[in-house]
C-alpha atoms as a PDB file:
ATOM      1  CA  MET A   1      61.163 -50.934 -93.060  1.00  0.00           C
ATOM      2  CA  SER A   2      61.596 -51.042 -96.774  1.00  0.00           C
ATOM      3  CA  LYS A   3      63.890 -47.910 -96.595  1.00  0.00           C
ATOM      4  CA  GLN A   4      66.051 -49.523 -93.923  1.00  0.00           C
ATOM      5  CA  ALA A   5      69.372 -50.581 -95.507  1.00  0.00           C
ATOM      6  CA  SER A   6      69.925 -54.301 -95.148  1.00  0.00           C
ATOM      7  CA  LYS A   7      73.298 -54.273 -96.859  1.00  0.00           C
ATOM      8  CA  ASP A   8      76.117 -51.747 -97.415  1.00  0.00           C
ATOM      9  CA  THR A   9      75.406 -50.006 -94.241  1.00  0.00           C
ATOM     10  CA  ALA A  10      77.718 -47.232 -93.167  1.00  0.00           C
ATOM     11  CA  ALA A  11      79.477 -49.682 -90.732  1.00  0.00           C
ATOM     12  CA  GLU A  12      79.897 -52.419 -93.322  1.00  0.00           C
ATOM     13  CA  LEU A  13      81.297 -49.899 -95.906  1.00  0.00           C
ATOM     14  CA  MET A  14      83.789 -48.517 -93.475  1.00  0.00           C
ATOM     15  CA  ILE A  15      84.973 -51.943 -92.226  1.00  0.00           C
ATOM     16  CA  ARG A  16      85.245 -53.229 -95.903  1.00  0.00           C
ATOM     17  CA  ARG A  17      87.297 -50.231 -96.794  1.00  0.00           C
ATOM     18  CA  LEU A  18      89.690 -50.729 -94.022  1.00  0.00           C
ATOM     19  CA  LEU A  19      89.948 -54.435 -94.837  1.00  0.00           C
ATOM     20  CA  HIS A  20      90.642 -53.664 -98.508  1.00  0.00           C
ATOM     21  CA  ALA A  21      93.271 -50.975 -97.565  1.00  0.00           C
ATOM     22  CA  ALA A  22      95.006 -53.648 -95.513  1.00  0.00           C
ATOM     23  CA  GLY A  23      95.298 -55.881 -98.574  1.00  0.00           C
ATOM     24  CA  LEU A  24      92.564 -58.408 -97.600  1.00  0.00           C
ATOM     25  CA  ARG A  25      90.144 -59.621-100.367  1.00  0.00           C
ATOM     26  CA  TYR A  26      86.805 -60.906 -99.581  1.00  0.00           C
ATOM     27  CA  ARG A  27      83.310 -61.639-100.889  1.00  0.00           C
ATOM     28  CA  VAL A  28      80.403 -59.404-100.051  1.00  0.00           C
ATOM     29  CA  GLU A  29      76.805 -60.728 -99.376  1.00  0.00           C
ATOM     30  CA  TYR A  30      77.988 -64.361 -99.724  1.00  0.00           C
ATOM     31  CA  PRO A  31      75.288 -67.023 -99.481  1.00  0.00           C
ATOM     32  CA  VAL A  32      75.447 -69.040 -96.255  1.00  0.00           C
ATOM     33  CA  PRO A  33      76.192 -72.508 -97.641  1.00  0.00           C
ATOM     34  CA  GLY A  34      73.194 -74.798 -97.105  1.00  0.00           C
ATOM     35  CA  MET A  35      70.804 -72.068 -95.869  1.00  0.00           C
ATOM     36  CA  ALA A  36      68.466 -70.218 -98.270  1.00  0.00           C
ATOM     37  CA  ARG A  37      67.895 -66.537 -97.944  1.00  0.00           C
ATOM     38  CA  ARG A  38      70.768 -66.030 -95.552  1.00  0.00           C
ATOM     39  CA  ARG A  39      74.019 -64.085 -96.252  1.00  0.00           C
ATOM     40  CA  ILE A  40      77.393 -63.436 -94.784  1.00  0.00           C
ATOM     41  CA  ASP A  41      78.218 -59.676 -94.852  1.00  0.00           C
ATOM     42  CA  VAL A  42      81.970 -60.221 -95.447  1.00  0.00           C
ATOM     43  CA  ALA A  43      83.254 -63.783 -96.350  1.00  0.00           C
ATOM     44  CA  PHE A  44      86.749 -64.981 -96.607  1.00  0.00           C
ATOM     45  CA  THR A  45      85.859 -68.153 -98.310  1.00  0.00           C
ATOM     46  CA  SER A  46      89.382 -69.612 -98.693  1.00  0.00           C
ATOM     47  CA  VAL A  47      89.805 -69.640 -94.865  1.00  0.00           C
ATOM     48  CA  LYS A  48      86.128 -69.833 -94.021  1.00  0.00           C
ATOM     49  CA  VAL A  49      85.882 -66.712 -92.004  1.00  0.00           C
ATOM     50  CA  ALA A  50      82.321 -65.239 -91.935  1.00  0.00           C
ATOM     51  CA  VAL A  51      81.999 -61.592 -90.746  1.00  0.00           C
ATOM     52  CA  LEU A  52      78.501 -60.472 -89.726  1.00  0.00           C
ATOM     53  CA  ILE A  53      77.884 -56.786 -88.730  1.00  0.00           C
ATOM     54  CA  ASP A  54      74.685 -56.536 -86.778  1.00  0.00           C
ATOM     55  CA  GLY A  55      72.511 -53.561 -86.470  1.00  0.00           C
ATOM     56  CA  CYS A  56      71.713 -52.518 -82.928  1.00  0.00           C
ATOM     57  CA  PHE A  57      67.930 -52.367 -83.309  1.00  0.00           C
ATOM     58  CA  TRP A  58      67.367 -55.352 -85.694  1.00  0.00           C
ATOM     59  CA  HIS A  59      69.666 -57.740 -83.698  1.00  0.00           C
ATOM     60  CA  GLY A  60      68.967 -56.819 -80.180  1.00  0.00           C
ATOM     61  CA  CYS A  61      72.184 -55.084 -78.964  1.00  0.00           C
ATOM     62  CA  PRO A  62      72.331 -55.231 -75.231  1.00  0.00           C
ATOM     63  CA  GLN A  63      73.534 -51.543 -75.122  1.00  0.00           C
ATOM     64  CA  HIS A  64      71.426 -49.803 -77.635  1.00  0.00           C
ATOM     65  CA  ALA A  65      68.378 -52.003 -78.597  1.00  0.00           C
ATOM     66  CA  THR A  66      65.036 -50.137 -78.243  1.00  0.00           C
ATOM     67  CA  GLN A  67      61.495 -51.451 -77.980  1.00  0.00           C
ATOM     68  CA  PRO A  68      59.005 -49.890 -80.199  1.00  0.00           C
ATOM     69  CA  LYS A  69      55.831 -48.729 -78.223  1.00  0.00           C
ATOM     70  CA  SER A  70      53.370 -49.140 -80.874  1.00  0.00           C
ATOM     71  CA  ASN A  71      52.585 -52.667 -82.099  1.00  0.00           C
ATOM     72  CA  ALA A  72      54.930 -53.781 -79.284  1.00  0.00           C
ATOM     73  CA  GLU A  73      53.990 -57.458 -79.333  1.00  0.00           C
ATOM     74  CA  TRP A  74      54.506 -57.771 -83.100  1.00  0.00           C
ATOM     75  CA  TRP A  75      57.855 -56.085 -82.924  1.00  0.00           C
ATOM     76  CA  ARG A  76      58.963 -58.153 -79.935  1.00  0.00           C
ATOM     77  CA  HIS A  77      58.206 -61.329 -81.881  1.00  0.00           C
ATOM     78  CA  LYS A  78      59.908 -60.029 -84.997  1.00  0.00           C
ATOM     79  CA  LEU A  79      63.099 -59.055 -83.080  1.00  0.00           C
ATOM     80  CA  ASP A  80      63.170 -62.276 -81.116  1.00  0.00           C
ATOM     81  CA  ARG A  81      62.998 -64.269 -84.339  1.00  0.00           C
ATOM     82  CA  ASN A  82      65.934 -62.162 -85.774  1.00  0.00           C
ATOM     83  CA  MET A  83      68.032 -63.038 -82.779  1.00  0.00           C
ATOM     84  CA  ALA A  84      67.061 -66.737 -83.024  1.00  0.00           C
ATOM     85  CA  ARG A  85      67.916 -66.758 -86.663  1.00  0.00           C
ATOM     86  CA  ASP A  86      71.223 -65.190 -85.893  1.00  0.00           C
ATOM     87  CA  LEU A  87      72.033 -68.011 -83.421  1.00  0.00           C
ATOM     88  CA  GLU A  88      70.912 -70.722 -85.878  1.00  0.00           C
ATOM     89  CA  THR A  89      73.055 -69.155 -88.739  1.00  0.00           C
ATOM     90  CA  THR A  90      76.176 -68.982 -86.475  1.00  0.00           C
ATOM     91  CA  GLU A  91      75.701 -72.574 -85.201  1.00  0.00           C
ATOM     92  CA  HIS A  92      75.214 -73.708 -88.856  1.00  0.00           C
ATOM     93  CA  LEU A  93      78.371 -72.107 -90.053  1.00  0.00           C
ATOM     94  CA  VAL A  94      80.509 -73.258 -87.091  1.00  0.00           C
ATOM     95  CA  THR A  95      79.270 -76.862 -87.768  1.00  0.00           C
ATOM     96  CA  ALA A  96      80.425 -76.412 -91.470  1.00  0.00           C
ATOM     97  CA  GLY A  97      83.857 -75.390 -90.234  1.00  0.00           C
ATOM     98  CA  TRP A  98      83.587 -71.610 -90.451  1.00  0.00           C
ATOM     99  CA  GLU A  99      85.009 -69.164 -87.907  1.00  0.00           C
ATOM    100  CA  VAL A 100      82.011 -66.615 -87.262  1.00  0.00           C
ATOM    101  CA  LEU A 101      82.787 -63.075 -86.204  1.00  0.00           C
ATOM    102  CA  ARG A 102      79.940 -60.980 -85.116  1.00  0.00           C
ATOM    103  CA  PHE A 103      80.094 -57.360 -84.504  1.00  0.00           C
ATOM    104  CA  TRP A 104      77.676 -54.579 -83.573  1.00  0.00           C
ATOM    105  CA  GLU A 105      77.314 -51.574 -85.861  1.00  0.00           C
ATOM    106  CA  HIS A 106      78.361 -49.270 -83.116  1.00  0.00           C
ATOM    107  CA  GLU A 107      81.799 -50.883 -82.542  1.00  0.00           C
ATOM    108  CA  ALA A 108      84.879 -48.843 -83.834  1.00  0.00           C
ATOM    109  CA  PRO A 109      85.559 -49.870 -87.425  1.00  0.00           C
ATOM    110  CA  GLU A 110      89.346 -49.823 -86.933  1.00  0.00           C
ATOM    111  CA  ASP A 111      89.143 -52.283 -84.007  1.00  0.00           C
ATOM    112  CA  VAL A 112      86.793 -54.501 -85.948  1.00  0.00           C
ATOM    113  CA  ALA A 113      89.083 -54.583 -88.930  1.00  0.00           C
ATOM    114  CA  LEU A 114      91.984 -55.500 -86.847  1.00  0.00           C
ATOM    115  CA  ARG A 115      90.187 -58.300 -85.161  1.00  0.00           C
ATOM    116  CA  ILE A 116      89.016 -59.638 -88.601  1.00  0.00           C
ATOM    117  CA  ALA A 117      92.433 -59.454 -90.072  1.00  0.00           C
ATOM    118  CA  ALA A 118      93.963 -61.334 -87.028  1.00  0.00           C
ATOM    119  CA  ALA A 119      91.409 -64.083 -87.446  1.00  0.00           C
ATOM    120  CA  VAL A 120      92.060 -64.395 -91.188  1.00  0.00           C
ATOM    121  CA  GLU A 121      95.810 -64.486 -90.639  1.00  0.00           C
ATOM    122  CA  ARG A 122      95.345 -67.033 -87.840  1.00  0.00           C
ATOM    123  CA  ARG A 123      93.229 -69.320 -90.182  1.00  0.00           C
ATOM    124  CA  ARG A 124      95.698 -68.950 -92.989  1.00  0.00           C
ATOM    125  CA  ALA A 125      98.589 -69.967 -90.671  1.00  0.00           C
ATOM    126  CA  LEU A 126      96.618 -72.996 -89.554  1.00  0.00           C
ATOM    127  CA  GLN A 127      95.688 -73.945 -93.105  1.00  0.00           C
ATOM    128  CA  GLY A 128      99.305 -73.618 -94.072  1.00  0.00           C
ATOM    129  CA  ARG A 129     100.416 -76.016 -91.414  1.00  0.00           C
ATOM    130  CA  GLY A 130      97.863 -78.631 -92.348  1.00  0.00           C
ATOM    131  CA  ARG A 131      99.208 -78.620 -95.941  1.00  0.00           C
ATOM    132  CA  ASN A 132     102.710 -79.412 -94.867  1.00  0.00           C
ATOM    133  CA  ARG A 133     101.956 -82.540 -93.085  1.00  0.00           C
END
């Protein structure tokens, strides 16, 4: 497991390149406010948009997740805890006013980048309206 990339995965790098090319600036591996040892893969802090790119195996993708055969009970417990932690992190961020976007590593980076850019622009527009009141 120590050789498994936990950050800067191929999917993350491709999505970040596309976002940067589109002129968007963001923070990488941003700490989740109020939660120790949890990070946001790509964070747009000024508009509170959190992007999390989940690996199919580690986060239980309904299409691609596999169940290890050796030490199966330990792995099931480990992967269930990961999914519970994902839910807890999402709920915490939403409560703190963040928009949370979760994507699977197998999703097309171009589509993901477009959805992220749309969410950031939507939040910017809402933020701008609130300032003019």
